[in-house]
C-alpha cells in the first residue's frame, strides 16, 4: 500500500500540541500549503501513471 504523508511540524515555545494542530493556518503556512499540495498532486499523478503502465501482478 502506498500513502502520501504531509507533516505539520511541532509547536514552538509554550504552545500545546492540540492548540497548535487546531489553530488556523498563518498566511505563510497557507502559502507553503499551496506549494506542498501542488507537489503532492504531481507526485500522485506520476504514481498513478507509473502503476497504470505495469502489469497487475507487479504493483507490489
Foldseek 3Di string as FASTA:
>chain_A
DDDDDDDDDQDPDPDDRVCSVPPDDDPVRVVVVVVVVVVVVVVVVVVVVVVVPDDPVPPD
